[in-house]
N, C-alpha and C. Protein backbone atom coordinates (compact mmCIF):
# COMPACT_ATOMS: atom_id res chain seq x y z
N MET A 1 108.29 107.92 97.32
CA MET A 1 108.44 106.48 97.43
C MET A 1 109.55 106.09 98.39
N LEU A 2 110.57 106.91 98.56
CA LEU A 2 111.70 106.56 99.39
C LEU A 2 111.53 107.15 100.78
N GLY A 3 112.06 106.48 101.78
CA GLY A 3 111.96 106.96 103.15
C GLY A 3 113.24 106.68 103.90
N PHE A 4 113.39 107.29 105.07
CA PHE A 4 114.57 107.07 105.89
C PHE A 4 114.56 105.69 106.52
N PHE A 5 113.41 105.22 106.89
CA PHE A 5 113.26 103.86 107.40
C PHE A 5 111.84 103.43 107.09
N SER A 6 111.60 102.15 107.19
CA SER A 6 110.26 101.67 106.92
C SER A 6 109.97 100.45 107.79
N PHE A 7 108.71 100.27 108.10
CA PHE A 7 108.25 99.10 108.80
C PHE A 7 107.57 98.17 107.81
N PRO A 8 107.45 96.88 108.13
CA PRO A 8 106.70 95.99 107.26
C PRO A 8 105.30 96.55 106.99
N PRO A 9 104.84 96.48 105.75
CA PRO A 9 103.53 97.06 105.39
C PRO A 9 102.39 96.19 105.89
N LEU A 10 102.09 96.31 107.17
CA LEU A 10 101.14 95.42 107.81
C LEU A 10 99.76 95.51 107.16
N ASP A 11 99.34 96.72 106.79
CA ASP A 11 98.02 96.85 106.17
C ASP A 11 97.95 96.09 104.85
N LEU A 12 99.05 96.08 104.10
CA LEU A 12 99.06 95.39 102.81
C LEU A 12 99.06 93.87 102.97
N ILE A 13 99.84 93.37 103.93
CA ILE A 13 99.90 91.91 104.05
C ILE A 13 98.66 91.36 104.76
N TYR A 14 97.98 92.17 105.57
CA TYR A 14 96.67 91.76 106.07
C TYR A 14 95.67 91.70 104.91
N THR A 15 95.70 92.70 104.06
CA THR A 15 94.78 92.72 102.93
C THR A 15 95.05 91.57 101.98
N ALA A 16 96.34 91.29 101.74
CA ALA A 16 96.69 90.15 100.88
C ALA A 16 96.14 88.85 101.45
N ALA A 17 96.30 88.65 102.76
CA ALA A 17 95.78 87.44 103.39
C ALA A 17 94.26 87.37 103.30
N TYR A 18 93.61 88.52 103.46
CA TYR A 18 92.15 88.56 103.38
C TYR A 18 91.66 88.24 101.97
N LEU A 19 92.36 88.74 100.96
CA LEU A 19 92.01 88.40 99.58
C LEU A 19 92.20 86.92 99.31
N ARG A 20 93.29 86.37 99.81
CA ARG A 20 93.52 84.93 99.63
C ARG A 20 92.41 84.11 100.30
N LYS A 21 92.01 84.55 101.47
CA LYS A 21 90.93 83.86 102.18
C LYS A 21 89.67 83.79 101.34
N HIS A 22 89.46 84.80 100.50
CA HIS A 22 88.26 84.86 99.67
C HIS A 22 88.51 84.40 98.23
N GLY A 23 89.60 83.68 98.02
CA GLY A 23 89.81 83.02 96.74
C GLY A 23 90.66 83.76 95.73
N PHE A 24 91.16 84.95 96.07
CA PHE A 24 92.01 85.71 95.15
C PHE A 24 93.47 85.50 95.57
N THR A 25 94.07 84.47 95.02
CA THR A 25 95.35 83.98 95.54
C THR A 25 96.57 84.62 94.91
N ASP A 26 96.43 85.22 93.74
CA ASP A 26 97.60 85.78 93.05
C ASP A 26 97.78 87.23 93.49
N VAL A 27 98.38 87.41 94.64
CA VAL A 27 98.57 88.73 95.23
C VAL A 27 100.06 88.93 95.49
N ARG A 28 100.57 90.10 95.17
CA ARG A 28 101.98 90.41 95.39
C ARG A 28 102.12 91.77 96.06
N VAL A 29 103.23 91.91 96.77
CA VAL A 29 103.56 93.18 97.42
C VAL A 29 104.92 93.63 96.90
N ILE A 30 104.98 94.85 96.40
CA ILE A 30 106.26 95.44 95.97
C ILE A 30 106.76 96.32 97.10
N GLU A 31 107.89 95.96 97.68
CA GLU A 31 108.43 96.68 98.83
C GLU A 31 109.32 97.83 98.35
N ALA A 32 108.68 98.83 97.78
CA ALA A 32 109.42 99.91 97.12
C ALA A 32 110.28 100.69 98.10
N ASN A 33 109.74 101.02 99.26
CA ASN A 33 110.50 101.80 100.23
C ASN A 33 111.69 101.01 100.77
N ALA A 34 111.41 99.80 101.23
CA ALA A 34 112.47 99.01 101.86
C ALA A 34 113.57 98.65 100.87
N ARG A 35 113.21 98.49 99.61
CA ARG A 35 114.20 98.13 98.59
C ARG A 35 114.76 99.35 97.86
N HIS A 36 114.32 100.53 98.26
CA HIS A 36 114.78 101.78 97.65
C HIS A 36 114.59 101.77 96.13
N LEU A 37 113.39 101.38 95.73
CA LEU A 37 113.07 101.34 94.32
C LEU A 37 112.57 102.70 93.84
N TYR A 38 113.02 103.10 92.68
CA TYR A 38 112.53 104.32 92.06
C TYR A 38 111.26 104.00 91.24
N PRO A 39 110.48 105.00 90.92
CA PRO A 39 109.24 104.74 90.17
C PRO A 39 109.45 103.90 88.91
N LYS A 40 110.52 104.16 88.17
CA LYS A 40 110.76 103.37 86.95
C LYS A 40 110.99 101.90 87.27
N ASP A 41 111.60 101.62 88.45
CA ASP A 41 111.81 100.24 88.87
C ASP A 41 110.48 99.56 89.21
N VAL A 42 109.60 100.31 89.87
CA VAL A 42 108.30 99.78 90.20
C VAL A 42 107.51 99.45 88.93
N VAL A 43 107.54 100.35 87.97
CA VAL A 43 106.83 100.13 86.71
C VAL A 43 107.40 98.92 85.98
N LYS A 44 108.71 98.76 86.02
CA LYS A 44 109.33 97.59 85.39
C LYS A 44 108.81 96.29 85.99
N LEU A 45 108.69 96.24 87.31
CA LEU A 45 108.15 95.05 87.96
C LEU A 45 106.69 94.84 87.59
N LEU A 46 105.94 95.92 87.52
CA LEU A 46 104.52 95.80 87.17
C LEU A 46 104.35 95.29 85.74
N LEU A 47 105.25 95.66 84.87
CA LEU A 47 105.18 95.16 83.49
C LEU A 47 105.46 93.66 83.44
N GLU A 48 106.26 93.17 84.38
CA GLU A 48 106.50 91.73 84.47
C GLU A 48 105.27 91.02 85.03
N TYR A 49 104.65 91.60 86.06
CA TYR A 49 103.53 90.95 86.73
C TYR A 49 102.23 91.05 85.94
N ARG A 50 102.03 92.17 85.25
CA ARG A 50 100.79 92.43 84.50
C ARG A 50 99.54 92.23 85.37
N PRO A 51 99.42 93.00 86.46
CA PRO A 51 98.26 92.82 87.34
C PRO A 51 96.99 93.41 86.75
N ASP A 52 95.87 92.98 87.29
CA ASP A 52 94.58 93.57 86.94
C ASP A 52 94.28 94.81 87.79
N PHE A 53 94.79 94.79 89.03
CA PHE A 53 94.57 95.89 89.97
C PHE A 53 95.90 96.25 90.63
N ILE A 54 96.08 97.53 90.88
CA ILE A 54 97.27 98.03 91.59
C ILE A 54 96.79 98.91 92.73
N LEU A 55 97.28 98.64 93.92
CA LEU A 55 96.97 99.46 95.08
C LEU A 55 98.19 100.31 95.42
N ILE A 56 97.98 101.62 95.49
CA ILE A 56 99.06 102.55 95.84
C ILE A 56 98.72 103.18 97.19
N PRO A 57 99.39 102.76 98.27
CA PRO A 57 99.19 103.43 99.56
C PRO A 57 99.86 104.80 99.53
N SER A 58 99.16 105.79 100.03
CA SER A 58 99.68 107.15 99.98
C SER A 58 99.59 107.80 101.34
N THR A 59 100.48 108.76 101.59
CA THR A 59 100.47 109.49 102.86
C THR A 59 100.35 110.98 102.57
N TYR A 60 100.27 111.76 103.64
CA TYR A 60 100.21 113.21 103.48
C TYR A 60 101.46 113.73 102.77
N PHE A 61 102.59 113.08 102.99
CA PHE A 61 103.87 113.59 102.50
C PHE A 61 104.26 113.02 101.15
N THR A 62 103.60 111.95 100.70
CA THR A 62 104.03 111.29 99.47
C THR A 62 103.02 111.41 98.33
N LEU A 63 101.94 112.15 98.54
CA LEU A 63 100.87 112.15 97.55
C LEU A 63 101.36 112.55 96.16
N GLU A 64 102.11 113.62 96.05
CA GLU A 64 102.56 114.08 94.74
C GLU A 64 103.44 113.03 94.06
N ALA A 65 104.34 112.42 94.84
CA ALA A 65 105.18 111.37 94.27
C ALA A 65 104.34 110.17 93.86
N ASP A 66 103.32 109.84 94.63
CA ASP A 66 102.46 108.71 94.31
C ASP A 66 101.63 108.99 93.06
N LEU A 67 101.19 110.23 92.90
CA LEU A 67 100.46 110.59 91.67
C LEU A 67 101.37 110.55 90.46
N SER A 68 102.63 110.92 90.64
CA SER A 68 103.60 110.82 89.53
C SER A 68 103.81 109.36 89.14
N LEU A 69 103.91 108.50 90.14
CA LEU A 69 104.01 107.06 89.85
C LEU A 69 102.77 106.58 89.10
N CYS A 70 101.62 107.07 89.51
CA CYS A 70 100.37 106.69 88.85
C CYS A 70 100.38 107.08 87.38
N ARG A 71 100.93 108.25 87.07
CA ARG A 71 101.01 108.68 85.68
C ARG A 71 101.91 107.75 84.86
N LEU A 72 103.03 107.34 85.45
CA LEU A 72 103.92 106.41 84.76
C LEU A 72 103.24 105.07 84.52
N ILE A 73 102.51 104.61 85.51
CA ILE A 73 101.80 103.34 85.36
C ILE A 73 100.77 103.43 84.25
N ARG A 74 100.05 104.55 84.20
CA ARG A 74 99.02 104.74 83.17
C ARG A 74 99.62 104.66 81.76
N LYS A 75 100.83 105.19 81.59
CA LYS A 75 101.46 105.16 80.28
C LYS A 75 101.83 103.74 79.86
N SER A 76 102.26 102.94 80.83
CA SER A 76 102.74 101.60 80.52
C SER A 76 101.64 100.54 80.59
N LEU A 77 100.68 100.74 81.48
CA LEU A 77 99.60 99.77 81.67
C LEU A 77 98.26 100.52 81.66
N PRO A 78 97.83 100.97 80.50
CA PRO A 78 96.65 101.85 80.45
C PRO A 78 95.35 101.19 80.90
N ASP A 79 95.28 99.86 80.88
CA ASP A 79 94.03 99.19 81.21
C ASP A 79 93.94 98.74 82.67
N VAL A 80 95.01 98.88 83.41
CA VAL A 80 95.01 98.43 84.79
C VAL A 80 94.12 99.33 85.64
N LYS A 81 93.49 98.76 86.65
CA LYS A 81 92.68 99.53 87.58
C LYS A 81 93.55 99.93 88.77
N ILE A 82 93.59 101.22 89.08
CA ILE A 82 94.46 101.74 90.12
C ILE A 82 93.63 102.19 91.32
N ILE A 83 94.01 101.70 92.48
CA ILE A 83 93.35 102.03 93.74
C ILE A 83 94.32 102.84 94.60
N PHE A 84 93.86 103.95 95.12
CA PHE A 84 94.65 104.71 96.09
C PHE A 84 94.08 104.46 97.49
N SER A 85 94.96 104.52 98.48
CA SER A 85 94.52 104.41 99.87
C SER A 85 95.36 105.35 100.72
N GLY A 86 94.93 105.53 101.97
CA GLY A 86 95.68 106.38 102.88
C GLY A 86 94.79 107.41 103.54
N PRO A 87 95.29 108.06 104.58
CA PRO A 87 94.46 109.02 105.33
C PRO A 87 94.04 110.24 104.52
N LEU A 88 94.94 110.78 103.70
CA LEU A 88 94.59 111.99 102.96
C LEU A 88 93.49 111.72 101.95
N VAL A 89 93.61 110.63 101.19
CA VAL A 89 92.59 110.35 100.17
C VAL A 89 91.32 109.80 100.79
N THR A 90 91.40 109.24 102.01
CA THR A 90 90.18 108.87 102.72
C THR A 90 89.42 110.14 103.12
N TYR A 91 90.15 111.13 103.60
CA TYR A 91 89.53 112.40 103.99
C TYR A 91 89.03 113.16 102.76
N ASP A 92 89.82 113.15 101.69
CA ASP A 92 89.49 113.89 100.47
C ASP A 92 89.79 113.04 99.24
N PRO A 93 88.87 112.17 98.83
CA PRO A 93 89.11 111.28 97.69
C PRO A 93 89.44 112.02 96.40
N SER A 94 89.01 113.27 96.29
CA SER A 94 89.26 114.02 95.05
C SER A 94 90.76 114.21 94.81
N ALA A 95 91.57 114.12 95.86
CA ALA A 95 93.01 114.29 95.70
C ALA A 95 93.58 113.27 94.72
N ALA A 96 92.99 112.09 94.66
CA ALA A 96 93.46 111.05 93.74
C ALA A 96 92.55 110.87 92.53
N LEU A 97 91.30 111.28 92.65
CA LEU A 97 90.31 110.98 91.62
C LEU A 97 90.03 112.12 90.66
N LYS A 98 90.33 113.36 91.06
CA LYS A 98 89.85 114.50 90.30
C LYS A 98 90.40 114.56 88.88
N ASP A 99 91.64 114.11 88.67
CA ASP A 99 92.24 114.17 87.33
C ASP A 99 92.10 112.86 86.57
N GLY A 100 91.36 111.92 87.12
CA GLY A 100 91.16 110.65 86.44
C GLY A 100 92.34 109.72 86.50
N LEU A 101 93.31 110.00 87.37
CA LEU A 101 94.48 109.14 87.45
C LEU A 101 94.15 107.81 88.12
N ALA A 102 93.50 107.89 89.27
CA ALA A 102 93.10 106.68 89.98
C ALA A 102 91.67 106.31 89.60
N ASP A 103 91.38 105.03 89.68
CA ASP A 103 90.01 104.56 89.41
C ASP A 103 89.18 104.52 90.67
N PHE A 104 89.82 104.20 91.80
CA PHE A 104 89.10 104.05 93.06
C PHE A 104 89.95 104.59 94.21
N VAL A 105 89.26 104.96 95.27
CA VAL A 105 89.92 105.21 96.55
C VAL A 105 89.32 104.24 97.56
N ALA A 106 90.20 103.50 98.24
CA ALA A 106 89.77 102.63 99.33
C ALA A 106 89.68 103.49 100.59
N LEU A 107 88.50 103.62 101.13
CA LEU A 107 88.26 104.51 102.25
C LEU A 107 88.58 103.80 103.56
N GLY A 108 89.57 104.32 104.29
CA GLY A 108 89.91 103.76 105.58
C GLY A 108 90.66 102.45 105.48
N GLU A 109 90.29 101.50 106.33
CA GLU A 109 90.95 100.21 106.35
C GLU A 109 90.79 99.51 105.00
N LEU A 110 91.78 98.70 104.65
CA LEU A 110 91.88 98.24 103.27
C LEU A 110 91.10 96.97 102.94
N GLU A 111 90.93 96.07 103.89
CA GLU A 111 90.47 94.72 103.54
C GLU A 111 89.13 94.73 102.81
N LEU A 112 88.13 95.37 103.40
CA LEU A 112 86.79 95.36 102.80
C LEU A 112 86.74 96.08 101.46
N PRO A 113 87.24 97.32 101.35
CA PRO A 113 87.12 98.00 100.06
C PRO A 113 87.89 97.33 98.94
N VAL A 114 89.09 96.83 99.21
CA VAL A 114 89.86 96.20 98.14
C VAL A 114 89.16 94.93 97.65
N LEU A 115 88.65 94.11 98.57
CA LEU A 115 87.90 92.93 98.16
C LEU A 115 86.68 93.32 97.35
N ASN A 116 85.95 94.35 97.80
CA ASN A 116 84.76 94.78 97.08
C ASN A 116 85.09 95.27 95.67
N ILE A 117 86.18 96.02 95.54
CA ILE A 117 86.56 96.52 94.22
C ILE A 117 86.86 95.36 93.28
N ILE A 118 87.61 94.39 93.74
CA ILE A 118 87.97 93.25 92.90
C ILE A 118 86.72 92.47 92.49
N LYS A 119 85.74 92.39 93.40
CA LYS A 119 84.50 91.67 93.11
C LYS A 119 83.51 92.51 92.32
N GLY A 120 83.84 93.80 92.09
CA GLY A 120 82.94 94.66 91.33
C GLY A 120 81.79 95.23 92.14
N ASN A 121 81.94 95.23 93.47
CA ASN A 121 80.91 95.78 94.35
C ASN A 121 81.41 97.12 94.88
N TYR A 122 80.81 98.19 94.40
CA TYR A 122 81.29 99.53 94.74
C TYR A 122 80.37 100.25 95.72
N SER A 123 79.61 99.50 96.51
CA SER A 123 78.56 100.12 97.32
C SER A 123 79.07 100.67 98.66
N GLU A 124 80.16 100.10 99.22
CA GLU A 124 80.63 100.51 100.53
C GLU A 124 82.13 100.72 100.56
N ASN A 125 82.57 101.66 101.40
CA ASN A 125 84.00 101.86 101.69
C ASN A 125 84.84 102.25 100.48
N ILE A 126 84.19 102.78 99.46
CA ILE A 126 84.87 103.08 98.20
C ILE A 126 84.42 104.45 97.70
N ALA A 127 85.37 105.19 97.14
CA ALA A 127 85.05 106.41 96.41
C ALA A 127 85.50 106.23 94.97
N LEU A 128 84.73 106.76 94.04
CA LEU A 128 85.05 106.69 92.63
C LEU A 128 84.44 107.88 91.92
N ARG A 129 84.90 108.08 90.71
CA ARG A 129 84.41 109.20 89.92
C ARG A 129 83.34 108.73 88.95
N GLN A 130 82.22 109.42 88.94
CA GLN A 130 81.14 109.16 87.99
C GLN A 130 80.85 110.45 87.25
N GLY A 131 81.32 110.51 86.01
CA GLY A 131 81.21 111.76 85.26
C GLY A 131 82.08 112.82 85.90
N GLU A 132 81.48 113.93 86.25
CA GLU A 132 82.21 115.01 86.91
C GLU A 132 82.09 114.95 88.43
N LYS A 133 81.36 113.97 88.93
CA LYS A 133 81.14 113.87 90.37
C LYS A 133 82.01 112.77 90.98
N ILE A 134 82.38 112.99 92.23
CA ILE A 134 83.09 111.97 92.99
C ILE A 134 82.13 111.44 94.04
N ILE A 135 81.87 110.15 93.97
CA ILE A 135 80.88 109.50 94.82
C ILE A 135 81.59 108.69 95.88
N SER A 136 81.22 108.89 97.14
CA SER A 136 81.76 108.11 98.26
C SER A 136 80.64 107.30 98.89
N GLY A 137 80.86 105.99 98.99
CA GLY A 137 79.86 105.12 99.59
C GLY A 137 79.92 105.17 101.10
N PRO A 138 78.95 104.57 101.77
CA PRO A 138 78.95 104.52 103.24
C PRO A 138 80.12 103.67 103.74
N ARG A 139 80.50 103.90 104.98
CA ARG A 139 81.61 103.19 105.59
C ARG A 139 81.12 102.08 106.51
N SER A 140 81.85 100.98 106.54
CA SER A 140 81.63 99.93 107.52
C SER A 140 82.99 99.39 107.93
N LEU A 141 83.03 98.69 109.06
CA LEU A 141 84.29 98.20 109.62
C LEU A 141 84.29 96.68 109.65
N ILE A 142 85.45 96.12 109.40
CA ILE A 142 85.58 94.68 109.43
C ILE A 142 85.60 94.18 110.87
N ASP A 143 85.02 93.02 111.10
CA ASP A 143 85.14 92.33 112.38
C ASP A 143 86.53 91.73 112.44
N LEU A 144 87.33 92.12 113.42
CA LEU A 144 88.72 91.65 113.47
C LEU A 144 88.82 90.15 113.63
N LYS A 145 87.75 89.49 114.05
CA LYS A 145 87.77 88.03 114.12
C LYS A 145 87.84 87.40 112.73
N GLU A 146 87.49 88.16 111.70
CA GLU A 146 87.53 87.66 110.34
C GLU A 146 88.91 87.76 109.71
N LEU A 147 89.83 88.46 110.40
CA LEU A 147 91.15 88.66 109.81
C LEU A 147 91.99 87.39 109.93
N PRO A 148 92.53 86.90 108.81
CA PRO A 148 93.53 85.84 108.91
C PRO A 148 94.87 86.42 109.33
N ALA A 149 95.81 85.57 109.62
CA ALA A 149 97.16 86.04 109.93
C ALA A 149 97.72 86.77 108.72
N PRO A 150 98.44 87.87 108.93
CA PRO A 150 98.99 88.60 107.78
C PRO A 150 99.95 87.74 106.98
N ALA A 151 99.97 87.95 105.67
CA ALA A 151 100.79 87.13 104.76
C ALA A 151 102.23 87.62 104.75
N ARG A 152 102.95 87.38 105.83
CA ARG A 152 104.32 87.86 105.94
C ARG A 152 105.26 87.20 104.94
N GLU A 153 104.85 86.06 104.39
CA GLU A 153 105.70 85.40 103.39
C GLU A 153 105.78 86.19 102.09
N LEU A 154 104.94 87.20 101.92
CA LEU A 154 104.98 88.02 100.71
C LEU A 154 106.04 89.12 100.79
N ILE A 155 106.64 89.30 101.95
CA ILE A 155 107.67 90.33 102.10
C ILE A 155 108.95 89.69 102.63
N ASP A 156 110.03 90.43 102.54
CA ASP A 156 111.31 90.01 103.09
C ASP A 156 111.51 90.75 104.41
N ASN A 157 111.18 90.09 105.50
CA ASN A 157 111.23 90.79 106.79
C ASN A 157 112.65 91.18 107.19
N GLN A 158 113.66 90.56 106.56
CA GLN A 158 115.05 90.93 106.87
C GLN A 158 115.37 92.35 106.43
N LEU A 159 114.53 92.93 105.60
CA LEU A 159 114.77 94.29 105.12
C LEU A 159 114.43 95.35 106.17
N TYR A 160 113.68 94.96 107.18
CA TYR A 160 113.12 95.95 108.09
C TYR A 160 113.89 95.94 109.41
N ARG A 161 114.83 96.84 109.51
CA ARG A 161 115.65 96.98 110.70
C ARG A 161 115.61 98.44 111.12
N TYR A 162 115.36 98.66 112.37
CA TYR A 162 115.17 100.03 112.87
C TYR A 162 116.07 100.19 114.09
N ALA A 163 117.08 101.07 113.96
CA ALA A 163 118.15 101.14 114.95
C ALA A 163 117.66 101.48 116.35
N ILE A 164 116.58 102.23 116.47
CA ILE A 164 116.09 102.59 117.80
C ILE A 164 115.71 101.33 118.59
N PHE A 165 115.19 100.33 117.88
CA PHE A 165 114.77 99.11 118.56
C PHE A 165 115.87 98.06 118.58
N ASN A 166 116.48 97.83 117.41
CA ASN A 166 117.43 96.73 117.31
C ASN A 166 118.19 96.87 116.00
N ARG A 167 119.50 97.05 116.09
CA ARG A 167 120.27 97.23 114.86
C ARG A 167 120.49 95.92 114.11
N LYS A 168 120.57 94.81 114.83
CA LYS A 168 121.02 93.56 114.22
C LYS A 168 119.89 92.70 113.69
N ASN A 169 118.73 92.80 114.32
CA ASN A 169 117.63 91.91 113.97
C ASN A 169 116.48 92.68 113.35
N PRO A 170 115.72 92.04 112.47
CA PRO A 170 114.56 92.72 111.88
C PRO A 170 113.46 92.92 112.91
N VAL A 171 112.59 93.86 112.62
CA VAL A 171 111.44 94.15 113.48
C VAL A 171 110.16 93.95 112.70
N THR A 172 109.08 93.70 113.40
CA THR A 172 107.78 93.61 112.74
C THR A 172 106.71 94.08 113.72
N PRO A 173 105.73 94.81 113.25
CA PRO A 173 104.61 95.20 114.10
C PRO A 173 103.55 94.10 114.14
N MET A 174 102.63 94.23 115.07
CA MET A 174 101.45 93.38 115.14
C MET A 174 100.22 94.26 115.36
N THR A 175 99.10 93.75 114.94
CA THR A 175 97.84 94.41 115.23
C THR A 175 97.15 93.68 116.37
N ILE A 176 96.98 94.36 117.49
CA ILE A 176 96.25 93.81 118.62
C ILE A 176 94.83 94.36 118.65
N SER A 177 94.72 95.62 118.24
CA SER A 177 93.42 96.28 118.19
C SER A 177 93.46 97.31 117.08
N ARG A 178 92.32 97.82 116.76
CA ARG A 178 92.20 98.95 115.84
C ARG A 178 91.30 99.98 116.46
N GLY A 179 91.67 101.25 116.28
CA GLY A 179 90.92 102.33 116.88
C GLY A 179 91.62 102.81 118.14
N CYS A 180 91.02 103.77 118.78
CA CYS A 180 91.62 104.41 119.95
C CYS A 180 90.52 104.75 120.95
N PRO A 181 90.75 104.52 122.24
CA PRO A 181 89.72 104.85 123.23
C PRO A 181 89.45 106.35 123.34
N HIS A 182 90.37 107.16 122.87
CA HIS A 182 90.17 108.61 122.87
C HIS A 182 89.57 109.07 121.53
N SER A 183 90.29 108.78 120.46
CA SER A 183 89.81 108.95 119.07
C SER A 183 89.24 110.33 118.76
N LYS A 184 89.71 111.35 119.47
CA LYS A 184 89.23 112.70 119.21
C LYS A 184 90.34 113.65 118.81
N CYS A 185 91.57 113.16 118.74
CA CYS A 185 92.70 114.02 118.42
C CYS A 185 92.64 114.38 116.94
N GLU A 186 92.61 115.65 116.64
CA GLU A 186 92.44 116.09 115.26
C GLU A 186 93.64 115.78 114.39
N PHE A 187 94.83 115.61 115.00
CA PHE A 187 96.03 115.36 114.21
C PHE A 187 96.21 113.88 113.87
N CYS A 188 95.37 113.00 114.40
CA CYS A 188 95.54 111.56 114.26
C CYS A 188 94.48 111.00 113.32
N ASN A 189 94.87 110.01 112.52
CA ASN A 189 93.90 109.43 111.58
C ASN A 189 93.14 108.25 112.16
N SER A 190 93.33 107.94 113.45
CA SER A 190 92.66 106.79 114.04
C SER A 190 91.15 106.91 113.96
N ASN A 191 90.63 108.07 114.30
CA ASN A 191 89.18 108.27 114.24
C ASN A 191 88.67 108.21 112.81
N LEU A 192 89.45 108.76 111.88
CA LEU A 192 89.08 108.73 110.47
C LEU A 192 88.95 107.30 109.97
N TYR A 193 89.88 106.45 110.37
CA TYR A 193 89.87 105.07 109.91
C TYR A 193 88.86 104.20 110.66
N SER A 194 88.78 104.39 111.97
CA SER A 194 87.99 103.48 112.80
C SER A 194 86.64 104.04 113.20
N LEU A 195 86.29 105.21 112.69
CA LEU A 195 84.96 105.79 112.90
C LEU A 195 84.63 105.92 114.38
N GLY A 196 85.65 106.25 115.18
CA GLY A 196 85.42 106.47 116.60
C GLY A 196 85.25 105.21 117.42
N GLN A 197 85.45 104.04 116.80
CA GLN A 197 85.28 102.78 117.53
C GLN A 197 86.64 102.15 117.83
N ILE A 198 86.68 101.30 118.83
CA ILE A 198 87.86 100.51 119.11
C ILE A 198 87.46 99.04 119.10
N ARG A 199 88.25 98.23 118.42
CA ARG A 199 87.97 96.80 118.28
C ARG A 199 89.23 96.01 118.65
N TYR A 200 89.03 94.82 119.17
CA TYR A 200 90.15 94.01 119.63
C TYR A 200 90.14 92.66 118.92
N ARG A 201 91.34 92.15 118.68
CA ARG A 201 91.46 90.79 118.18
C ARG A 201 91.28 89.79 119.32
N GLY A 202 90.99 88.54 118.94
CA GLY A 202 90.87 87.49 119.94
C GLY A 202 92.24 87.07 120.45
N LEU A 203 92.30 86.63 121.70
CA LEU A 203 93.57 86.24 122.30
C LEU A 203 94.19 85.04 121.59
N ASP A 204 93.37 84.11 121.12
CA ASP A 204 93.91 82.92 120.46
C ASP A 204 94.64 83.30 119.17
N SER A 205 94.07 84.21 118.40
CA SER A 205 94.72 84.60 117.15
C SER A 205 95.99 85.40 117.41
N ILE A 206 95.98 86.19 118.49
CA ILE A 206 97.20 86.93 118.86
C ILE A 206 98.31 85.98 119.26
N ALA A 207 97.96 84.99 120.07
CA ALA A 207 98.96 84.00 120.50
C ALA A 207 99.50 83.21 119.31
N GLU A 208 98.62 82.85 118.39
CA GLU A 208 99.05 82.11 117.20
C GLU A 208 100.04 82.93 116.36
N GLU A 209 99.76 84.22 116.22
CA GLU A 209 100.66 85.06 115.43
C GLU A 209 101.99 85.27 116.16
N LEU A 210 101.96 85.42 117.47
CA LEU A 210 103.20 85.55 118.24
C LEU A 210 104.08 84.31 118.06
N ASN A 211 103.48 83.15 118.08
CA ASN A 211 104.24 81.92 117.87
C ASN A 211 104.82 81.85 116.47
N GLU A 212 104.06 82.39 115.51
CA GLU A 212 104.52 82.37 114.12
C GLU A 212 105.76 83.24 113.90
N ILE A 213 105.79 84.41 114.56
CA ILE A 213 106.88 85.35 114.29
C ILE A 213 108.01 85.25 115.30
N ALA A 214 107.82 84.46 116.35
CA ALA A 214 108.85 84.35 117.40
C ALA A 214 110.13 83.71 116.85
């Protein structure tokens, strides 16, 4: 859960904005890395919020720690639905599903699978366990024109300072495109997430977001 530095969780705040766009307005982001929260602190916050769904983003390096957090959540909130995401579990959903800790894996980009899970539609972009089998649905990609501006108001952008770029002022990333024109590098998850395609946002929405964060 802890890291040496962190960037604003752009995938999470895009997903939050997308959920709001579709009527699911009670969405929160726990900035565990940026706030240096330990698993017990995260669970304490979850007990206050009492969510119906919890999304745990995971990486190659944090999977074991994320599964430990999942176990703690299960003890305190046994009825909550837990979603894992990230490149490792997209490649191998069994990493999160095999022991029954997670209920779902969001395959690839988050917006479509998370919305589908909340709506009870498990047909695309989702892996889940059925009996002893792990079932992965077909993949599809969101049209970037459908993306609203990321919900940056859900995070404290002052927490994100990266000395290589700027010691005094916070930094934030933007999404201009998704995918890679090469998309064949085996060490990169771009192809895994974007299925070998590259997509671009519209210039008007990019300009609007630049004005928002300037």
